[in-house]
Amino acid sequence: MLKDLNKLEKSINSELASKVQKSLIENQELLIEINEKDLEEVVQFLKSNERFKFRQLIDIAGVDYPEEEKRFQLVYLLLSHENNNRIKISISFETNQVINSITKIFPSANWMEREVFDMYGIKFKNHPDLRRILTDYGFKGHPLRKDFPLTGFNEVRYSEKEKKVIYEPVKLEQNYRNFDFESPWEGTNYLKNIKELEKDGKKN
């Protein structure tokens, strides 16, 4: 498997010499870093080239590095069924940059790019229908940005009581955000504390 990946890496670097800024194999996966301006050309080449045949777009993942000059990163995951290979294409860019849509190459990118737009606020040029897909249309902010506050926003839900969609302040149950790494056989800390209190109550 590693030999195949090494061959794949050399071939892609040879074919896309001027486009690939960096390539590496990690966790038995090949990653190439390119300039955001070359995205469409590289994706089209990897899909149509008869040697590589990366004909399925698996996902588009966004990453936020607020302390970096190029704050955002997008990672495109492609799959070649014929060759049983996967490749990740990474681009980094600044906050206000608009990225070229790849919906003309992979129609399935339509919803994936909408998710990225909704969660991160990243805009895509020539996207056929760039609007929110996971949050409400009137929602403010982008939930997966690192600077997105956990309080002060409204959420939308259907109220069975009122029989309509309502807005209400976001409620975050803090007890579900506190985790420990105890063995499941021993139980978590809060369960231990409850059992100890119950024992003390019986003794008294």
C-alpha atoms as a PDB file:
ATOM      1  CA  MET A   1       0.000   0.000   0.000  1.00  0.00           C
ATOM      2  CA  LEU A   2       2.774   2.444   0.949  1.00  0.00           C
ATOM      3  CA  LYS A   3       4.671   1.623  -2.256  1.00  0.00           C
ATOM      4  CA  ASP A   4       1.554   2.411  -4.282  1.00  0.00           C
ATOM      5  CA  LEU A   5       1.158   5.721  -2.469  1.00  0.00           C
ATOM      6  CA  ASN A   6       4.790   6.598  -3.111  1.00  0.00           C
ATOM      7  CA  LYS A   7       4.298   5.902  -6.822  1.00  0.00           C
ATOM      8  CA  LEU A   8       1.116   7.966  -6.805  1.00  0.00           C
ATOM      9  CA  GLU A   9       2.866  10.862  -5.071  1.00  0.00           C
ATOM     10  CA  LYS A  10       5.748  10.831  -7.585  1.00  0.00           C
ATOM     11  CA  SER A  11       3.379  10.641 -10.544  1.00  0.00           C
ATOM     12  CA  ILE A  12       1.203  13.521  -9.360  1.00  0.00           C
ATOM     13  CA  ASN A  13       4.223  15.662  -8.525  1.00  0.00           C
ATOM     14  CA  SER A  14       5.566  14.933 -11.999  1.00  0.00           C
ATOM     15  CA  GLU A  15       2.305  15.757 -13.771  1.00  0.00           C
ATOM     16  CA  LEU A  16       1.455  18.798 -11.622  1.00  0.00           C
ATOM     17  CA  ALA A  17       4.973  20.018 -10.908  1.00  0.00           C
ATOM     18  CA  SER A  18       4.154  23.721 -11.056  1.00  0.00           C
ATOM     19  CA  LYS A  19       0.899  23.357  -9.110  1.00  0.00           C
ATOM     20  CA  VAL A  20       1.867  21.241  -6.084  1.00  0.00           C
ATOM     21  CA  GLN A  21       3.398  23.332  -3.315  1.00  0.00           C
ATOM     22  CA  LYS A  22       3.863  20.412  -0.936  1.00  0.00           C
ATOM     23  CA  SER A  23       2.995  16.728  -0.789  1.00  0.00           C
ATOM     24  CA  LEU A  24       3.198  14.189   2.004  1.00  0.00           C
ATOM     25  CA  ILE A  25       1.986  10.733   2.958  1.00  0.00           C
ATOM     26  CA  GLU A  26       0.512  10.494   6.420  1.00  0.00           C
ATOM     27  CA  ASN A  27      -1.700   7.805   7.956  1.00  0.00           C
ATOM     28  CA  GLN A  28      -1.586   5.954   4.622  1.00  0.00           C
ATOM     29  CA  GLU A  29      -3.152   8.902   2.811  1.00  0.00           C
ATOM     30  CA  LEU A  30      -1.661  11.279   0.264  1.00  0.00           C
ATOM     31  CA  LEU A  31      -2.067  15.008   0.827  1.00  0.00           C
ATOM     32  CA  ILE A  32      -1.122  17.704  -1.662  1.00  0.00           C
ATOM     33  CA  GLU A  33      -1.138  21.436  -0.949  1.00  0.00           C
ATOM     34  CA  ILE A  34      -1.902  23.789  -3.834  1.00  0.00           C
ATOM     35  CA  ASN A  35      -2.696  27.447  -4.437  1.00  0.00           C
ATOM     36  CA  GLU A  36      -6.415  28.254  -4.279  1.00  0.00           C
ATOM     37  CA  LYS A  37      -6.214  29.724  -7.820  1.00  0.00           C
ATOM     38  CA  ASP A  38      -5.267  26.312  -9.214  1.00  0.00           C
ATOM     39  CA  LEU A  39      -8.094  24.403  -7.513  1.00  0.00           C
ATOM     40  CA  GLU A  40     -10.404  23.911 -10.504  1.00  0.00           C
ATOM     41  CA  GLU A  41      -7.588  22.940 -12.844  1.00  0.00           C
ATOM     42  CA  VAL A  42      -6.076  20.408 -10.400  1.00  0.00           C
ATOM     43  CA  VAL A  43      -9.428  18.823  -9.494  1.00  0.00           C
ATOM     44  CA  GLN A  44     -10.414  18.551 -13.172  1.00  0.00           C
ATOM     45  CA  PHE A  45      -7.059  16.966 -14.017  1.00  0.00           C
ATOM     46  CA  LEU A  46      -7.257  14.372 -11.224  1.00  0.00           C
ATOM     47  CA  LYS A  47     -10.788  13.447 -12.250  1.00  0.00           C
ATOM     48  CA  SER A  48     -10.296  13.184 -16.013  1.00  0.00           C
ATOM     49  CA  ASN A  49      -6.748  11.793 -16.155  1.00  0.00           C
ATOM     50  CA  GLU A  50      -6.896   8.104 -17.153  1.00  0.00           C
ATOM     51  CA  ARG A  51      -3.993   7.187 -14.873  1.00  0.00           C
ATOM     52  CA  PHE A  52      -5.477   8.603 -11.666  1.00  0.00           C
ATOM     53  CA  LYS A  53      -9.280   8.441 -12.153  1.00  0.00           C
ATOM     54  CA  PHE A  54     -10.306  10.315  -8.999  1.00  0.00           C
ATOM     55  CA  ARG A  55     -13.931  10.388 -10.050  1.00  0.00           C
ATOM     56  CA  GLN A  56     -15.724  10.709  -6.733  1.00  0.00           C
ATOM     57  CA  LEU A  57     -15.760  13.669  -4.364  1.00  0.00           C
ATOM     58  CA  ILE A  58     -16.085  12.284  -0.836  1.00  0.00           C
ATOM     59  CA  ASP A  59     -16.183  15.482   1.186  1.00  0.00           C
ATOM     60  CA  ILE A  60     -15.086  19.101   1.560  1.00  0.00           C
ATOM     61  CA  ALA A  61     -13.822  19.896   5.058  1.00  0.00           C
ATOM     62  CA  GLY A  62     -13.211  23.371   6.439  1.00  0.00           C
ATOM     63  CA  VAL A  63     -10.658  24.346   9.099  1.00  0.00           C
ATOM     64  CA  ASP A  64     -10.322  27.649  10.954  1.00  0.00           C
ATOM     65  CA  TYR A  65      -6.953  28.959  12.193  1.00  0.00           C
ATOM     66  CA  PRO A  66      -7.857  32.469  13.494  1.00  0.00           C
ATOM     67  CA  GLU A  67      -4.272  33.224  14.545  1.00  0.00           C
ATOM     68  CA  GLU A  68      -2.888  32.585  11.028  1.00  0.00           C
ATOM     69  CA  GLU A  69      -2.618  35.166   8.230  1.00  0.00           C
ATOM     70  CA  LYS A  70      -4.305  32.682   5.915  1.00  0.00           C
ATOM     71  CA  ARG A  71      -7.068  31.925   8.355  1.00  0.00           C
ATOM     72  CA  PHE A  72      -9.064  29.289   6.509  1.00  0.00           C
ATOM     73  CA  GLN A  73      -8.178  25.949   5.003  1.00  0.00           C
ATOM     74  CA  LEU A  74     -10.303  23.723   2.790  1.00  0.00           C
ATOM     75  CA  VAL A  75      -9.523  20.048   2.297  1.00  0.00           C
ATOM     76  CA  TYR A  76     -11.052  18.198  -0.667  1.00  0.00           C
ATOM     77  CA  LEU A  77     -11.202  14.398  -0.358  1.00  0.00           C
ATOM     78  CA  LEU A  78     -11.258  12.479  -3.655  1.00  0.00           C
ATOM     79  CA  LEU A  79     -11.600   8.747  -4.285  1.00  0.00           C
ATOM     80  CA  SER A  80     -10.568   6.564  -7.210  1.00  0.00           C
ATOM     81  CA  HIS A  81     -12.669   3.390  -7.216  1.00  0.00           C
ATOM     82  CA  GLU A  82     -10.704   1.867 -10.089  1.00  0.00           C
ATOM     83  CA  ASN A  83      -7.334   2.262  -8.365  1.00  0.00           C
ATOM     84  CA  ASN A  84      -8.541   2.082  -4.761  1.00  0.00           C
ATOM     85  CA  ASN A  85      -6.730   5.340  -3.945  1.00  0.00           C
ATOM     86  CA  ARG A  86      -7.660   8.418  -1.946  1.00  0.00           C
ATOM     87  CA  ILE A  87      -6.149  11.870  -2.134  1.00  0.00           C
ATOM     88  CA  LYS A  88      -6.615  15.045  -0.108  1.00  0.00           C
ATOM     89  CA  ILE A  89      -6.198  18.461  -1.713  1.00  0.00           C
ATOM     90  CA  SER A  90      -5.537  21.327   0.677  1.00  0.00           C
ATOM     91  CA  ILE A  91      -5.798  25.066   0.018  1.00  0.00           C
ATOM     92  CA  SER A  92      -5.191  27.929   2.490  1.00  0.00           C
ATOM     93  CA  PHE A  93      -6.533  31.450   2.058  1.00  0.00           C
ATOM     94  CA  GLU A  94      -7.391  34.703   3.805  1.00  0.00           C
ATOM     95  CA  THR A  95     -10.732  35.569   5.395  1.00  0.00           C
ATOM     96  CA  ASN A  96     -12.296  37.601   2.578  1.00  0.00           C
ATOM     97  CA  GLN A  97     -11.095  35.504  -0.359  1.00  0.00           C
ATOM     98  CA  VAL A  98     -13.706  33.955  -2.628  1.00  0.00           C
ATOM     99  CA  ILE A  99     -12.961  30.375  -3.706  1.00  0.00           C
ATOM    100  CA  ASN A 100     -13.878  28.945  -7.099  1.00  0.00           C
ATOM    101  CA  SER A 101     -16.753  26.476  -6.957  1.00  0.00           C
ATOM    102  CA  ILE A 102     -16.135  22.973  -8.306  1.00  0.00           C
ATOM    103  CA  THR A 103     -19.829  22.183  -8.863  1.00  0.00           C
ATOM    104  CA  LYS A 104     -19.280  22.036 -12.639  1.00  0.00           C
ATOM    105  CA  ILE A 105     -16.708  19.276 -12.105  1.00  0.00           C
ATOM    106  CA  PHE A 106     -18.477  17.479  -9.235  1.00  0.00           C
ATOM    107  CA  PRO A 107     -22.212  18.343  -8.963  1.00  0.00           C
ATOM    108  CA  SER A 108     -22.215  16.791  -5.473  1.00  0.00           C
ATOM    109  CA  ALA A 109     -20.065  19.733  -4.322  1.00  0.00           C
ATOM    110  CA  ASN A 110     -23.247  21.838  -4.373  1.00  0.00           C
ATOM    111  CA  TRP A 111     -24.410  20.833  -0.884  1.00  0.00           C
ATOM    112  CA  MET A 112     -20.872  20.452   0.488  1.00  0.00           C
ATOM    113  CA  GLU A 113     -19.972  24.023  -0.468  1.00  0.00           C
ATOM    114  CA  ARG A 114     -23.235  25.260   1.014  1.00  0.00           C
ATOM    115  CA  GLU A 115     -22.368  23.543   4.296  1.00  0.00           C
ATOM    116  CA  VAL A 116     -18.931  25.205   4.312  1.00  0.00           C
ATOM    117  CA  PHE A 117     -20.540  28.582   3.546  1.00  0.00           C
ATOM    118  CA  ASP A 118     -23.081  28.105   6.334  1.00  0.00           C
ATOM    119  CA  MET A 119     -20.608  26.930   8.986  1.00  0.00           C
ATOM    120  CA  TYR A 120     -17.575  29.109   8.112  1.00  0.00           C
ATOM    121  CA  GLY A 121     -18.867  31.959   5.951  1.00  0.00           C
ATOM    122  CA  ILE A 122     -16.552  31.009   3.077  1.00  0.00           C
ATOM    123  CA  LYS A 123     -17.966  32.153  -0.269  1.00  0.00           C
ATOM    124  CA  PHE A 124     -17.721  30.271  -3.568  1.00  0.00           C
ATOM    125  CA  LYS A 125     -17.601  31.922  -6.967  1.00  0.00           C
ATOM    126  CA  ASN A 126     -20.070  30.641  -9.605  1.00  0.00           C
ATOM    127  CA  HIS A 127     -21.979  28.464  -7.133  1.00  0.00           C
ATOM    128  CA  PRO A 128     -25.533  27.955  -8.464  1.00  0.00           C
ATOM    129  CA  ASP A 129     -27.355  28.360  -5.122  1.00  0.00           C
ATOM    130  CA  LEU A 130     -25.125  29.618  -2.301  1.00  0.00           C
ATOM    131  CA  ARG A 131     -27.377  29.904   0.759  1.00  0.00           C
ATOM    132  CA  ARG A 132     -27.568  28.388   4.225  1.00  0.00           C
ATOM    133  CA  ILE A 133     -28.337  24.704   4.457  1.00  0.00           C
ATOM    134  CA  LEU A 134     -27.891  23.644   8.115  1.00  0.00           C
ATOM    135  CA  THR A 135     -28.980  26.744  10.043  1.00  0.00           C
ATOM    136  CA  ASP A 136     -32.051  28.916   9.619  1.00  0.00           C
ATOM    137  CA  TYR A 137     -31.979  31.510   6.818  1.00  0.00           C
ATOM    138  CA  GLY A 138     -32.120  34.361   9.348  1.00  0.00           C
ATOM    139  CA  PHE A 139     -29.351  32.920  11.514  1.00  0.00           C
ATOM    140  CA  LYS A 140     -26.485  35.302  12.282  1.00  0.00           C
ATOM    141  CA  GLY A 141     -22.863  34.160  12.411  1.00  0.00           C
ATOM    142  CA  HIS A 142     -21.082  30.966  11.391  1.00  0.00           C
ATOM    143  CA  PRO A 143     -21.062  28.273  14.114  1.00  0.00           C
ATOM    144  CA  LEU A 144     -17.765  26.501  13.274  1.00  0.00           C
ATOM    145  CA  ARG A 145     -15.640  29.647  13.360  1.00  0.00           C
ATOM    146  CA  LYS A 146     -13.423  29.641  16.423  1.00  0.00           C
ATOM    147  CA  ASP A 147     -14.611  33.105  17.442  1.00  0.00           C
ATOM    148  CA  PHE A 148     -18.286  32.149  17.331  1.00  0.00           C
ATOM    149  CA  PRO A 149     -19.758  32.791  20.822  1.00  0.00           C
ATOM    150  CA  LEU A 150     -21.560  29.981  22.627  1.00  0.00           C
ATOM    151  CA  THR A 151     -24.216  32.288  24.040  1.00  0.00           C
ATOM    152  CA  GLY A 152     -26.208  35.274  22.865  1.00  0.00           C
ATOM    153  CA  PHE A 153     -27.725  33.664  19.761  1.00  0.00           C
ATOM    154  CA  ASN A 154     -31.200  32.443  18.949  1.00  0.00           C
ATOM    155  CA  GLU A 155     -32.061  28.968  17.750  1.00  0.00           C
ATOM    156  CA  VAL A 156     -35.080  27.898  15.768  1.00  0.00           C
ATOM    157  CA  ARG A 157     -37.198  24.831  16.524  1.00  0.00           C
ATOM    158  CA  TYR A 158     -40.705  23.491  16.103  1.00  0.00           C
ATOM    159  CA  SER A 159     -42.841  23.907  19.207  1.00  0.00           C
ATOM    160  CA  GLU A 160     -45.306  21.088  19.698  1.00  0.00           C
ATOM    161  CA  LYS A 161     -47.105  23.214  22.268  1.00  0.00           C
ATOM    162  CA  GLU A 162     -47.569  26.236  20.000  1.00  0.00           C
ATOM    163  CA  LYS A 163     -47.787  24.160  16.806  1.00  0.00           C
ATOM    164  CA  LYS A 164     -45.382  26.426  14.927  1.00  0.00           C
ATOM    165  CA  VAL A 165     -41.688  27.227  14.390  1.00  0.00           C
ATOM    166  CA  ILE A 166     -40.362  29.505  17.139  1.00  0.00           C
ATOM    167  CA  TYR A 167     -37.144  31.380  17.969  1.00  0.00           C
ATOM    168  CA  GLU A 168     -35.616  31.189  21.432  1.00  0.00           C
ATOM    169  CA  PRO A 169     -32.216  31.856  23.064  1.00  0.00           C
ATOM    170  CA  VAL A 170     -29.667  29.063  22.619  1.00  0.00           C
ATOM    171  CA  LYS A 171     -29.516  26.857  25.713  1.00  0.00           C
ATOM    172  CA  LEU A 172     -26.274  24.978  26.295  1.00  0.00           C
ATOM    173  CA  GLU A 173     -26.442  22.260  28.909  1.00  0.00           C
ATOM    174  CA  GLN A 174     -23.074  22.700  30.614  1.00  0.00           C
ATOM    175  CA  ASN A 175     -23.167  19.316  32.340  1.00  0.00           C
ATOM    176  CA  TYR A 176     -22.966  17.597  28.948  1.00  0.00           C
ATOM    177  CA  ARG A 177     -19.785  19.494  28.109  1.00  0.00           C
ATOM    178  CA  ASN A 178     -17.810  18.197  31.104  1.00  0.00           C
ATOM    179  CA  PHE A 179     -16.218  14.846  30.339  1.00  0.00           C
ATOM    180  CA  ASP A 180     -13.813  12.627  32.223  1.00  0.00           C
ATOM    181  CA  PHE A 181     -11.807   9.691  30.960  1.00  0.00           C
ATOM    182  CA  GLU A 182     -12.534   7.122  33.649  1.00  0.00           C
ATOM    183  CA  SER A 183     -12.992   3.514  32.677  1.00  0.00           C
ATOM    184  CA  PRO A 184     -16.641   2.827  31.747  1.00  0.00           C
ATOM    185  CA  TRP A 185     -16.492  -0.147  34.128  1.00  0.00           C
ATOM    186  CA  GLU A 186     -15.631   2.130  37.036  1.00  0.00           C
ATOM    187  CA  GLY A 187     -18.139   4.809  36.138  1.00  0.00           C
ATOM    188  CA  THR A 188     -17.695   8.527  35.680  1.00  0.00           C
ATOM    189  CA  ASN A 189     -16.901  10.928  38.514  1.00  0.00           C
ATOM    190  CA  TYR A 190     -20.384  12.367  38.840  1.00  0.00           C
ATOM    191  CA  LEU A 191     -21.878   8.861  39.176  1.00  0.00           C
ATOM    192  CA  LYS A 192     -19.328   8.032  41.869  1.00  0.00           C
ATOM    193  CA  ASN A 193     -20.262  11.183  43.749  1.00  0.00           C
ATOM    194  CA  ILE A 194     -23.961  10.325  43.566  1.00  0.00           C
ATOM    195  CA  LYS A 195     -23.321   6.809  44.904  1.00  0.00           C
ATOM    196  CA  GLU A 196     -21.210   8.188  47.759  1.00  0.00           C
ATOM    197  CA  LEU A 197     -23.929  10.668  48.693  1.00  0.00           C
ATOM    198  CA  GLU A 198     -26.502   7.870  48.652  1.00  0.00           C
ATOM    199  CA  LYS A 199     -24.325   5.752  50.980  1.00  0.00           C
ATOM    200  CA  ASP A 200     -23.842   8.669  53.363  1.00  0.00           C
ATOM    201  CA  GLY A 201     -27.601   9.272  53.373  1.00  0.00           C
ATOM    202  CA  LYS A 202     -28.340   5.657  54.294  1.00  0.00           C
ATOM    203  CA  LYS A 203     -25.776   5.713  57.131  1.00  0.00           C
ATOM    204  CA  ASN A 204     -27.336   8.818  58.634  1.00  0.00           C
END
